Structures are given as structure tokens and as C-alpha cells.
């Protein structure tokens, strides 16, 4: 069960990092 939580957290971090990098590149 802990592995599932870790995977979900990792996906969220990657998603936010992608959104932030897109905003940074657009500016």
C-alpha cells in the first residue's frame, strides 16, 4: 500500500514540475 502512495506522490510532483517549467518557459 505504501508503494501506491509513493507512486501517486511522485506523479503529482512530476505533474506540478511540468506545469511550473511550462510557465517558466512561456515567460
C-alpha atoms as a PDB file:
ATOM      1  CA  UNK A   1       0.000   0.000   0.000  1.00  0.00           C
ATOM      2  CA  UNK A   2       2.862   2.384   0.815  1.00  0.00           C
ATOM      3  CA  UNK A   3       4.236   1.826  -2.695  1.00  0.00           C
ATOM      4  CA  UNK A   4       0.953   3.038  -4.228  1.00  0.00           C
ATOM      5  CA  UNK A   5       1.062   6.235  -2.152  1.00  0.00           C
ATOM      6  CA  UNK A   6       4.690   6.834  -3.164  1.00  0.00           C
ATOM      7  CA  UNK A   7       3.794   6.422  -6.855  1.00  0.00           C
ATOM      8  CA  UNK A   8       0.850   8.834  -6.560  1.00  0.00           C
ATOM      9  CA  UNK A   9       3.016  11.435  -4.798  1.00  0.00           C
ATOM     10  CA  UNK A  10       5.734  11.032  -7.456  1.00  0.00           C
ATOM     11  CA  UNK A  11       3.176  11.565 -10.255  1.00  0.00           C
ATOM     12  CA  UNK A  12       1.845  14.714  -8.548  1.00  0.00           C
ATOM     13  CA  UNK A  13       5.388  16.097  -8.146  1.00  0.00           C
ATOM     14  CA  UNK A  14       6.199  15.403 -11.814  1.00  0.00           C
ATOM     15  CA  UNK A  15       2.891  16.990 -12.890  1.00  0.00           C
ATOM     16  CA  UNK A  16       3.499  20.156 -10.860  1.00  0.00           C
ATOM     17  CA  UNK A  17       7.125  20.333 -12.043  1.00  0.00           C
ATOM     18  CA  UNK A  18       5.929  20.128 -15.660  1.00  0.00           C
ATOM     19  CA  UNK A  19       3.325  22.861 -15.128  1.00  0.00           C
ATOM     20  CA  UNK A  20       5.895  25.110 -13.395  1.00  0.00           C
ATOM     21  CA  UNK A  21       8.510  24.568 -16.112  1.00  0.00           C
ATOM     22  CA  UNK A  22       5.940  25.423 -18.811  1.00  0.00           C
ATOM     23  CA  UNK A  23       5.091  28.704 -17.027  1.00  0.00           C
ATOM     24  CA  UNK A  24       8.794  29.475 -16.674  1.00  0.00           C
ATOM     25  CA  UNK A  25       9.462  28.775 -20.368  1.00  0.00           C
ATOM     26  CA  UNK A  26       6.449  30.845 -21.501  1.00  0.00           C
ATOM     27  CA  UNK A  27       7.854  33.904 -19.706  1.00  0.00           C
END
